[in-house]
Amino acid sequence: MNGKGQLFVRALPCVLAMSTVVSMAFLASCNNTPPSDEKLQQQAAQATETAKHDSKEALAQARVVANEAEQKVDDVAAGVKQGMQSNSAPAGETRIDLNNASDADLASLPGISPAKAREIIQHRPYSFSHELVKFGMLSEKQFDAIAPRVTVR
């Protein structure tokens, strides 16, 4: 069921409760004989009790849906975290270790010239690969191009 259908199903008890209250008020006003105050109070109390029960039920259903949505968000976040922590290189490739790679290995990376490779070697050791950006050797865009192919050990 899509989001609008779920919302309709969950809102239905509240709508029914409110329509009950309005209907009872309408019926009370259409009656030619003036109802007693006690009868009006009784009808209002009954309509309020029905609305209260229906709203509690709708709230319970909303909590279930919220918990399910929260679980889905947590699952997505866990998947993103797992992907970010993954040390796997693109299919068929091994990652190049910035602390041990030769200048030829580094120059084989997209956008890395032999001179840039020598500069990377001169700034060793690295604690994490993003230090290439931190130290101003690469732009964020250049780093993004090589990030899946490099690591730091």
Protein backbone atom coordinates (compact mmCIF):
# COMPACT_ATOMS: atom_id res chain seq x y z
CA MET A 1 0.00 0.00 0.00
CA ASN A 2 1.42 3.42 -0.88
CA GLY A 3 2.01 6.25 1.61
CA LYS A 4 -1.27 8.02 0.84
CA GLY A 5 -3.25 4.81 1.30
CA GLN A 6 -1.55 4.11 4.62
CA LEU A 7 -2.23 7.65 5.76
CA PHE A 8 -5.90 7.28 4.80
CA VAL A 9 -6.23 3.99 6.70
CA ARG A 10 -4.59 5.48 9.78
CA ALA A 11 -6.61 8.67 9.66
CA LEU A 12 -9.90 6.85 9.13
CA PRO A 13 -10.58 6.20 12.86
CA CYS A 14 -10.08 9.89 13.69
CA VAL A 15 -12.32 10.95 10.82
CA LEU A 16 -15.02 8.50 11.93
CA ALA A 17 -14.81 9.73 15.51
CA MET A 18 -15.11 13.34 14.46
CA SER A 19 -18.02 12.56 12.12
CA THR A 20 -19.75 10.76 15.00
CA VAL A 21 -19.43 13.86 17.18
CA VAL A 22 -20.73 16.11 14.40
CA SER A 23 -23.59 13.73 13.57
CA MET A 24 -24.71 13.54 17.18
CA ALA A 25 -24.59 17.30 17.48
CA PHE A 26 -26.59 17.63 14.25
CA LEU A 27 -29.17 15.09 15.39
CA ALA A 28 -29.48 16.86 18.70
CA SER A 29 -30.09 20.18 16.96
CA CYS A 30 -32.69 18.68 14.53
CA ASN A 31 -34.88 17.28 17.28
CA ASN A 32 -38.07 19.43 17.65
CA THR A 33 -38.33 18.80 21.34
CA PRO A 34 -35.58 20.44 23.26
CA PRO A 35 -33.41 17.74 24.77
CA SER A 36 -32.59 17.87 28.39
CA ASP A 37 -29.21 19.12 29.48
CA GLU A 38 -28.51 15.70 30.92
CA LYS A 39 -29.22 13.98 27.60
CA LEU A 40 -26.94 16.41 25.72
CA GLN A 41 -24.18 15.86 28.26
CA GLN A 42 -24.59 12.11 27.90
CA GLN A 43 -24.41 12.28 24.10
CA ALA A 44 -21.37 14.56 24.23
CA ALA A 45 -19.66 12.25 26.72
CA GLN A 46 -20.35 9.21 24.54
CA ALA A 47 -19.08 10.94 21.40
CA THR A 48 -15.97 12.12 23.27
CA GLU A 49 -15.29 8.61 24.57
CA THR A 50 -15.57 7.21 21.04
CA ALA A 51 -13.22 9.88 19.68
CA LYS A 52 -10.79 9.25 22.53
CA HIS A 53 -10.74 5.50 21.86
CA ASP A 54 -10.31 5.98 18.11
CA SER A 55 -7.50 8.50 18.54
CA LYS A 56 -5.65 6.13 20.91
CA GLU A 57 -5.95 3.39 18.32
CA ALA A 58 -4.69 5.71 15.56
CA LEU A 59 -1.77 6.76 17.76
CA ALA A 60 -0.82 3.12 18.39
CA GLN A 61 -0.86 2.45 14.64
CA ALA A 62 1.23 5.57 13.99
CA ARG A 63 3.82 4.37 16.52
CA VAL A 64 4.10 1.02 14.75
CA VAL A 65 4.62 2.73 11.38
CA ALA A 66 7.18 5.13 12.90
CA ASN A 67 9.12 2.22 14.39
CA GLU A 68 9.11 0.42 11.04
CA ALA A 69 10.33 3.56 9.26
CA GLU A 70 13.05 4.07 11.88
CA GLN A 71 14.24 0.48 11.36
CA LYS A 72 14.43 1.04 7.60
CA VAL A 73 16.44 4.25 8.09
CA ASP A 74 18.78 2.41 10.48
CA ASP A 75 19.23 -0.38 7.91
CA VAL A 76 20.08 2.12 5.17
CA ALA A 77 22.52 3.95 7.46
CA ALA A 78 24.22 0.66 8.37
CA GLY A 79 24.58 -0.17 4.68
CA VAL A 80 26.09 3.24 3.94
CA LYS A 81 28.49 2.88 6.86
CA GLN A 82 29.49 -0.59 5.70
CA GLY A 83 30.10 0.73 2.18
CA MET A 84 32.17 3.64 3.47
CA GLN A 85 34.33 1.34 5.59
CA SER A 86 34.81 -1.19 2.81
CA ASN A 87 38.39 -1.62 1.70
CA SER A 88 37.46 -3.23 -1.58
CA ALA A 89 38.75 -1.78 -4.81
CA PRO A 90 36.74 -1.72 -8.02
CA ALA A 91 36.25 -5.18 -9.54
CA GLY A 92 39.47 -6.72 -10.78
CA GLU A 93 41.79 -4.15 -9.17
CA THR A 94 43.82 -4.00 -5.99
CA ARG A 95 44.22 -0.81 -4.02
CA ILE A 96 47.49 1.09 -4.14
CA ASP A 97 48.99 1.80 -0.70
CA LEU A 98 49.97 5.47 -0.55
CA ASN A 99 52.71 4.70 2.00
CA ASN A 100 54.42 1.95 -0.04
CA ALA A 101 53.60 2.52 -3.72
CA SER A 102 56.28 3.39 -6.24
CA ASP A 103 56.11 6.62 -8.20
CA ALA A 104 55.13 4.55 -11.27
CA ASP A 105 52.24 2.95 -9.35
CA LEU A 106 51.03 6.35 -8.16
CA ALA A 107 51.42 7.86 -11.64
CA SER A 108 49.16 5.11 -12.98
CA LEU A 109 46.25 6.62 -11.05
CA PRO A 110 43.88 8.91 -12.99
CA GLY A 111 45.03 12.53 -12.90
CA ILE A 112 48.35 11.81 -11.12
CA SER A 113 51.40 12.95 -13.04
CA PRO A 114 54.93 11.66 -12.33
CA ALA A 115 55.69 14.96 -10.56
CA LYS A 116 52.54 14.65 -8.42
CA ALA A 117 53.50 11.04 -7.63
CA ARG A 118 56.92 12.21 -6.36
CA GLU A 119 55.19 14.89 -4.23
CA ILE A 120 52.91 12.24 -2.70
CA ILE A 121 55.95 10.10 -1.87
CA GLN A 122 57.76 13.08 -0.26
CA HIS A 123 54.87 13.68 2.19
CA ARG A 124 54.79 10.10 3.55
CA PRO A 125 53.67 8.60 5.88
CA TYR A 126 49.90 9.03 5.69
CA SER A 127 47.41 8.07 8.36
CA PHE A 128 44.48 8.18 5.95
CA SER A 129 44.18 8.71 2.22
CA HIS A 130 42.19 11.94 2.44
CA GLU A 131 45.34 13.65 3.77
CA LEU A 132 46.22 14.21 0.11
CA VAL A 133 43.45 16.81 0.10
CA LYS A 134 44.17 18.03 3.62
CA PHE A 135 47.79 18.77 2.71
CA GLY A 136 46.74 20.52 -0.55
CA MET A 137 48.31 18.03 -2.94
CA LEU A 138 44.96 17.15 -4.58
CA SER A 139 41.62 18.85 -4.95
CA GLU A 140 38.53 17.11 -3.65
CA LYS A 141 37.56 16.30 -7.25
CA GLN A 142 40.97 14.79 -8.01
CA PHE A 143 40.84 12.75 -4.81
CA ASP A 144 37.35 11.46 -5.64
CA ALA A 145 38.75 10.09 -8.93
CA ILE A 146 41.42 8.00 -7.17
CA ALA A 147 39.76 7.25 -3.80
CA PRO A 148 38.38 3.81 -4.78
CA ARG A 149 41.85 2.76 -5.93
CA VAL A 150 44.01 3.89 -2.99
CA THR A 151 44.43 2.92 0.64
CA VAL A 152 46.73 3.56 3.60
CA ARG A 153 48.24 0.67 5.54
